[in-house]
Amino acid sequence: MKKKLFFILGCVSLLLGTIGIFLPILPTTPFVLLSAFLFERSSEKFHKLLLENKIFGKYIKDYTEKKGITYKNKIIAITVMTLGMGKGFFAMSNMYGKIALVIIFFAVLIHLLKMKTLIEE
């Protein structure tokens, strides 16, 4: 029962992460990392597929196994996040939404900056 719940939550998390690529308010990386965590505990097949994915695989391995990301990926993540969330901020008319977006932006930014920077191989 627990494995089935983790699998379903992993699928939902991956879906939200995929939507987050196109929707600035949803952060992609935390949802994909959560999916990896949940699939690791529920489906060896899906966990392996996620780790071997040409887009997300290396990032997940770096984050989970080496506990960091490369300098290049930090710059890319911060740039994409700034552009996406900036666009969302200026397009949004709801003040509470803007405040939430700013809080999320700075929380993720601080997390990225505090992460160990890996040497590219």
N, C-alpha and C. Protein backbone atom coordinates (compact mmCIF):
# COMPACT_ATOMS: atom_id res chain seq x y z
N MET A 1 0.82 -1.20 0.00
CA MET A 1 0.00 0.00 0.00
C MET A 1 0.87 1.26 0.00
N LYS A 2 1.92 1.26 0.83
CA LYS A 2 2.82 2.40 0.93
C LYS A 2 3.54 2.64 -0.40
N LYS A 3 3.96 1.54 -1.05
CA LYS A 3 4.65 1.66 -2.34
C LYS A 3 3.72 2.26 -3.40
N LYS A 4 2.47 1.85 -3.40
CA LYS A 4 1.51 2.39 -4.37
C LYS A 4 1.29 3.88 -4.15
N LEU A 5 1.17 4.28 -2.89
CA LEU A 5 0.99 5.69 -2.57
C LEU A 5 2.21 6.51 -3.00
N PHE A 6 3.42 6.01 -2.70
CA PHE A 6 4.64 6.70 -3.12
C PHE A 6 4.72 6.79 -4.64
N PHE A 7 4.32 5.72 -5.32
CA PHE A 7 4.36 5.73 -6.79
C PHE A 7 3.40 6.79 -7.35
N ILE A 8 2.18 6.83 -6.83
CA ILE A 8 1.19 7.81 -7.30
C ILE A 8 1.69 9.23 -7.00
N LEU A 9 2.20 9.46 -5.81
CA LEU A 9 2.73 10.78 -5.45
C LEU A 9 3.94 11.14 -6.33
N GLY A 10 4.76 10.15 -6.67
CA GLY A 10 5.89 10.38 -7.55
C GLY A 10 5.44 10.81 -8.94
N CYS A 11 4.39 10.18 -9.45
CA CYS A 11 3.84 10.55 -10.76
C CYS A 11 3.26 11.96 -10.72
N VAL A 12 2.52 12.28 -9.66
CA VAL A 12 1.93 13.62 -9.52
C VAL A 12 3.05 14.67 -9.43
N SER A 13 4.07 14.37 -8.64
CA SER A 13 5.19 15.29 -8.47
C SER A 13 5.92 15.52 -9.79
N LEU A 14 6.12 14.46 -10.56
CA LEU A 14 6.79 14.59 -11.86
C LEU A 14 5.93 15.40 -12.82
N LEU A 15 4.63 15.20 -12.77
CA LEU A 15 3.72 15.98 -13.61
C LEU A 15 3.81 17.47 -13.24
N LEU A 16 3.79 17.77 -11.95
CA LEU A 16 3.90 19.17 -11.52
C LEU A 16 5.25 19.77 -11.91
N GLY A 17 6.30 18.98 -11.81
CA GLY A 17 7.62 19.46 -12.23
C GLY A 17 7.67 19.74 -13.71
N THR A 18 7.02 18.90 -14.50
CA THR A 18 6.97 19.11 -15.95
C THR A 18 6.17 20.36 -16.28
N ILE A 19 5.06 20.55 -15.61
CA ILE A 19 4.25 21.76 -15.81
C ILE A 19 5.07 22.99 -15.40
N GLY A 20 5.89 22.84 -14.37
CA GLY A 20 6.71 23.94 -13.88
C GLY A 20 7.73 24.45 -14.89
N ILE A 21 8.06 23.63 -15.89
CA ILE A 21 8.96 24.08 -16.94
C ILE A 21 8.32 25.25 -17.69
N PHE A 22 7.01 25.18 -17.84
CA PHE A 22 6.29 26.18 -18.63
C PHE A 22 5.57 27.23 -17.79
N LEU A 23 5.34 26.93 -16.52
CA LEU A 23 4.60 27.83 -15.64
C LEU A 23 5.53 28.35 -14.55
N PRO A 24 5.85 29.65 -14.58
CA PRO A 24 6.88 30.18 -13.67
C PRO A 24 6.60 30.01 -12.18
N ILE A 25 5.37 29.89 -11.77
CA ILE A 25 5.08 29.83 -10.34
C ILE A 25 5.39 28.45 -9.74
N LEU A 26 5.46 27.41 -10.57
CA LEU A 26 5.77 26.07 -10.09
C LEU A 26 7.26 25.78 -10.27
N PRO A 27 7.98 25.51 -9.20
CA PRO A 27 9.40 25.21 -9.34
C PRO A 27 9.61 23.77 -9.84
N THR A 28 10.33 23.62 -10.91
CA THR A 28 10.53 22.31 -11.53
C THR A 28 11.43 21.41 -10.68
N THR A 29 12.58 21.90 -10.30
CA THR A 29 13.60 21.06 -9.65
C THR A 29 13.12 20.37 -8.37
N PRO A 30 12.48 21.06 -7.44
CA PRO A 30 12.05 20.36 -6.23
C PRO A 30 11.06 19.23 -6.52
N PHE A 31 10.18 19.44 -7.49
CA PHE A 31 9.21 18.38 -7.82
C PHE A 31 9.90 17.18 -8.47
N VAL A 32 10.88 17.42 -9.32
CA VAL A 32 11.60 16.31 -9.96
C VAL A 32 12.43 15.56 -8.92
N LEU A 33 13.07 16.29 -8.00
CA LEU A 33 13.82 15.64 -6.93
C LEU A 33 12.91 14.83 -6.02
N LEU A 34 11.74 15.37 -5.73
CA LEU A 34 10.76 14.64 -4.92
C LEU A 34 10.33 13.36 -5.65
N SER A 35 10.13 13.46 -6.95
CA SER A 35 9.78 12.28 -7.74
C SER A 35 10.86 11.21 -7.64
N ALA A 36 12.12 11.63 -7.75
CA ALA A 36 13.22 10.67 -7.64
C ALA A 36 13.20 9.98 -6.28
N PHE A 37 12.99 10.76 -5.24
CA PHE A 37 12.90 10.23 -3.88
C PHE A 37 11.76 9.20 -3.76
N LEU A 38 10.59 9.57 -4.27
CA LEU A 38 9.41 8.70 -4.16
C LEU A 38 9.54 7.45 -5.04
N PHE A 39 10.09 7.60 -6.25
CA PHE A 39 10.28 6.43 -7.12
C PHE A 39 11.34 5.49 -6.57
N GLU A 40 12.34 6.05 -5.89
CA GLU A 40 13.37 5.21 -5.29
C GLU A 40 12.76 4.25 -4.26
N ARG A 41 11.69 4.70 -3.63
CA ARG A 41 11.03 3.89 -2.60
C ARG A 41 9.83 3.09 -3.11
N SER A 42 9.49 3.28 -4.40
CA SER A 42 8.28 2.61 -4.87
C SER A 42 8.47 1.83 -6.18
N SER A 43 9.31 2.31 -7.07
CA SER A 43 9.44 1.67 -8.38
C SER A 43 10.86 1.80 -8.90
N GLU A 44 11.58 0.69 -8.84
CA GLU A 44 12.96 0.69 -9.33
C GLU A 44 13.01 1.07 -10.81
N LYS A 45 12.02 0.61 -11.57
CA LYS A 45 11.95 0.89 -13.01
C LYS A 45 11.82 2.40 -13.27
N PHE A 46 10.89 3.07 -12.61
CA PHE A 46 10.69 4.50 -12.82
C PHE A 46 11.85 5.33 -12.27
N HIS A 47 12.43 4.87 -11.16
CA HIS A 47 13.59 5.57 -10.60
C HIS A 47 14.75 5.51 -11.59
N LYS A 48 14.97 4.35 -12.15
CA LYS A 48 16.04 4.17 -13.14
C LYS A 48 15.78 5.03 -14.38
N LEU A 49 14.54 5.06 -14.86
CA LEU A 49 14.19 5.88 -16.02
C LEU A 49 14.46 7.36 -15.75
N LEU A 50 14.14 7.81 -14.55
CA LEU A 50 14.36 9.21 -14.19
C LEU A 50 15.86 9.53 -14.11
N LEU A 51 16.64 8.62 -13.53
CA LEU A 51 18.09 8.84 -13.42
C LEU A 51 18.80 8.76 -14.76
N GLU A 52 18.22 8.02 -15.70
CA GLU A 52 18.82 7.89 -17.03
C GLU A 52 18.26 8.90 -18.02
N ASN A 53 17.32 9.73 -17.58
CA ASN A 53 16.73 10.75 -18.44
C ASN A 53 17.81 11.72 -18.89
N LYS A 54 17.84 12.04 -20.19
CA LYS A 54 18.91 12.88 -20.72
C LYS A 54 18.82 14.32 -20.24
N ILE A 55 17.65 14.76 -19.80
CA ILE A 55 17.49 16.14 -19.32
C ILE A 55 17.72 16.22 -17.81
N PHE A 56 17.07 15.36 -17.04
CA PHE A 56 17.10 15.48 -15.58
C PHE A 56 18.11 14.56 -14.90
N GLY A 57 18.50 13.48 -15.54
CA GLY A 57 19.30 12.44 -14.89
C GLY A 57 20.55 12.91 -14.20
N LYS A 58 21.41 13.63 -14.92
CA LYS A 58 22.68 14.07 -14.34
C LYS A 58 22.45 15.02 -13.16
N TYR A 59 21.46 15.91 -13.30
CA TYR A 59 21.18 16.86 -12.22
C TYR A 59 20.73 16.14 -10.95
N ILE A 60 19.88 15.16 -11.12
CA ILE A 60 19.38 14.40 -9.96
C ILE A 60 20.54 13.65 -9.30
N LYS A 61 21.37 13.00 -10.11
CA LYS A 61 22.51 12.27 -9.55
C LYS A 61 23.46 13.20 -8.82
N ASP A 62 23.78 14.34 -9.43
CA ASP A 62 24.65 15.31 -8.76
C ASP A 62 24.07 15.75 -7.43
N TYR A 63 22.80 16.07 -7.44
CA TYR A 63 22.14 16.59 -6.25
C TYR A 63 22.05 15.53 -5.15
N THR A 64 21.64 14.32 -5.52
CA THR A 64 21.41 13.29 -4.51
C THR A 64 22.68 12.56 -4.09
N GLU A 65 23.58 12.30 -5.03
CA GLU A 65 24.78 11.52 -4.71
C GLU A 65 25.95 12.41 -4.27
N LYS A 66 26.13 13.53 -4.94
CA LYS A 66 27.27 14.39 -4.66
C LYS A 66 26.89 15.60 -3.81
N LYS A 67 25.61 15.77 -3.57
CA LYS A 67 25.09 16.84 -2.71
C LYS A 67 25.45 18.24 -3.22
N GLY A 68 25.37 18.44 -4.53
CA GLY A 68 25.66 19.76 -5.08
C GLY A 68 25.32 19.83 -6.56
N ILE A 69 25.63 20.99 -7.16
CA ILE A 69 25.46 21.17 -8.60
C ILE A 69 26.65 21.96 -9.14
N THR A 70 26.87 21.86 -10.43
CA THR A 70 28.01 22.55 -11.03
C THR A 70 27.75 24.06 -11.08
N TYR A 71 28.83 24.82 -11.21
CA TYR A 71 28.74 26.28 -11.29
C TYR A 71 27.88 26.67 -12.51
N LYS A 72 28.14 26.02 -13.63
CA LYS A 72 27.38 26.30 -14.85
C LYS A 72 25.88 26.09 -14.61
N ASN A 73 25.52 25.01 -13.95
CA ASN A 73 24.10 24.73 -13.70
C ASN A 73 23.49 25.69 -12.69
N LYS A 74 24.30 26.18 -11.75
CA LYS A 74 23.81 27.21 -10.83
C LYS A 74 23.44 28.46 -11.61
N ILE A 75 24.32 28.87 -12.50
CA ILE A 75 24.08 30.08 -13.31
C ILE A 75 22.85 29.89 -14.18
N ILE A 76 22.75 28.74 -14.82
CA ILE A 76 21.58 28.46 -15.68
C ILE A 76 20.29 28.48 -14.85
N ALA A 77 20.31 27.81 -13.70
CA ALA A 77 19.12 27.73 -12.85
C ALA A 77 18.69 29.12 -12.36
N ILE A 78 19.65 29.91 -11.93
CA ILE A 78 19.33 31.25 -11.43
C ILE A 78 18.82 32.14 -12.56
N THR A 79 19.44 32.04 -13.72
CA THR A 79 19.01 32.85 -14.87
C THR A 79 17.60 32.49 -15.31
N VAL A 80 17.35 31.20 -15.50
CA VAL A 80 16.03 30.75 -15.95
C VAL A 80 14.97 31.10 -14.90
N MET A 81 15.31 30.88 -13.63
CA MET A 81 14.37 31.20 -12.56
C MET A 81 14.06 32.70 -12.53
N THR A 82 15.08 33.53 -12.67
CA THR A 82 14.89 34.98 -12.64
C THR A 82 14.02 35.44 -13.81
N LEU A 83 14.31 34.93 -15.00
CA LEU A 83 13.52 35.31 -16.17
C LEU A 83 12.07 34.84 -16.06
N GLY A 84 11.90 33.57 -15.70
CA GLY A 84 10.55 33.00 -15.60
C GLY A 84 9.72 33.63 -14.51
N MET A 85 10.30 33.75 -13.33
CA MET A 85 9.56 34.32 -12.21
C MET A 85 9.39 35.83 -12.37
N GLY A 86 10.36 36.47 -13.00
CA GLY A 86 10.22 37.90 -13.28
C GLY A 86 9.06 38.15 -14.22
N LYS A 87 8.97 37.34 -15.25
CA LYS A 87 7.85 37.46 -16.19
C LYS A 87 6.52 37.23 -15.47
N GLY A 88 6.49 36.19 -14.63
CA GLY A 88 5.29 35.90 -13.86
C GLY A 88 4.92 37.03 -12.90
N PHE A 89 5.94 37.61 -12.27
CA PHE A 89 5.72 38.71 -11.33
C PHE A 89 5.06 39.90 -12.02
N PHE A 90 5.62 40.30 -13.16
CA PHE A 90 5.10 41.48 -13.85
C PHE A 90 3.77 41.21 -14.56
N ALA A 91 3.48 39.96 -14.86
CA ALA A 91 2.21 39.62 -15.51
C ALA A 91 1.08 39.46 -14.48
N MET A 92 1.45 39.25 -13.23
CA MET A 92 0.47 38.98 -12.18
C MET A 92 -0.09 40.29 -11.61
N SER A 93 -1.38 40.32 -11.39
CA SER A 93 -1.99 41.52 -10.81
C SER A 93 -2.30 41.34 -9.32
N ASN A 94 -2.36 40.13 -8.84
CA ASN A 94 -2.68 39.83 -7.46
C ASN A 94 -1.46 40.10 -6.56
N MET A 95 -1.60 41.01 -5.61
CA MET A 95 -0.49 41.38 -4.73
C MET A 95 -0.01 40.20 -3.89
N TYR A 96 -0.94 39.35 -3.39
CA TYR A 96 -0.54 38.19 -2.60
C TYR A 96 0.25 37.20 -3.45
N GLY A 97 -0.15 37.05 -4.70
CA GLY A 97 0.59 36.19 -5.62
C GLY A 97 1.99 36.70 -5.85
N LYS A 98 2.12 38.02 -6.00
CA LYS A 98 3.44 38.62 -6.20
C LYS A 98 4.33 38.42 -4.97
N ILE A 99 3.73 38.59 -3.80
CA ILE A 99 4.50 38.39 -2.56
C ILE A 99 4.95 36.93 -2.45
N ALA A 100 4.06 36.00 -2.76
CA ALA A 100 4.40 34.57 -2.71
C ALA A 100 5.53 34.27 -3.70
N LEU A 101 5.45 34.84 -4.89
CA LEU A 101 6.46 34.62 -5.91
C LEU A 101 7.83 35.15 -5.46
N VAL A 102 7.85 36.31 -4.83
CA VAL A 102 9.11 36.88 -4.33
C VAL A 102 9.69 36.00 -3.22
N ILE A 103 8.84 35.53 -2.32
CA ILE A 103 9.31 34.65 -1.23
C ILE A 103 9.89 33.36 -1.79
N ILE A 104 9.17 32.75 -2.75
CA ILE A 104 9.65 31.52 -3.37
C ILE A 104 10.98 31.77 -4.10
N PHE A 105 11.04 32.89 -4.83
CA PHE A 105 12.26 33.23 -5.56
C PHE A 105 13.46 33.30 -4.62
N PHE A 106 13.34 34.06 -3.54
CA PHE A 106 14.48 34.22 -2.63
C PHE A 106 14.80 32.94 -1.87
N ALA A 107 13.80 32.14 -1.54
CA ALA A 107 14.06 30.86 -0.86
C ALA A 107 14.86 29.93 -1.77
N VAL A 108 14.46 29.83 -3.03
CA VAL A 108 15.18 28.97 -3.97
C VAL A 108 16.57 29.54 -4.28
N LEU A 109 16.66 30.85 -4.43
CA LEU A 109 17.95 31.49 -4.69
C LEU A 109 18.94 31.22 -3.56
N ILE A 110 18.50 31.40 -2.33
CA ILE A 110 19.37 31.14 -1.17
C ILE A 110 19.79 29.68 -1.15
N HIS A 111 18.85 28.79 -1.41
CA HIS A 111 19.17 27.36 -1.45
C HIS A 111 20.22 27.07 -2.51
N LEU A 112 20.04 27.61 -3.71
CA LEU A 112 21.01 27.39 -4.79
C LEU A 112 22.39 27.93 -4.43
N LEU A 113 22.43 29.11 -3.87
CA LEU A 113 23.71 29.72 -3.54
C LEU A 113 24.44 29.00 -2.40
N LYS A 114 23.69 28.40 -1.50
CA LYS A 114 24.29 27.68 -0.37
C LYS A 114 24.75 26.27 -0.75
N MET A 115 24.25 25.76 -1.87
CA MET A 115 24.60 24.40 -2.28
C MET A 115 26.07 24.31 -2.65
N LYS A 116 26.62 23.17 -2.40
CA LYS A 116 28.01 22.87 -2.77
C LYS A 116 28.14 23.01 -4.29
N THR A 117 29.21 23.69 -4.73
CA THR A 117 29.48 23.82 -6.16
C THR A 117 30.43 22.71 -6.58
N LEU A 118 29.98 21.90 -7.52
CA LEU A 118 30.77 20.76 -7.99
C LEU A 118 31.71 21.17 -9.13
N ILE A 119 32.85 20.54 -9.21
CA ILE A 119 33.78 20.74 -10.31
C ILE A 119 33.26 19.91 -11.49
N GLU A 120 33.16 20.54 -12.65
CA GLU A 120 32.65 19.81 -13.84
C GLU A 120 33.67 18.78 -14.27
N GLU A 121 33.14 17.62 -14.63
CA GLU A 121 34.01 16.50 -15.05
C GLU A 121 34.15 16.46 -16.55
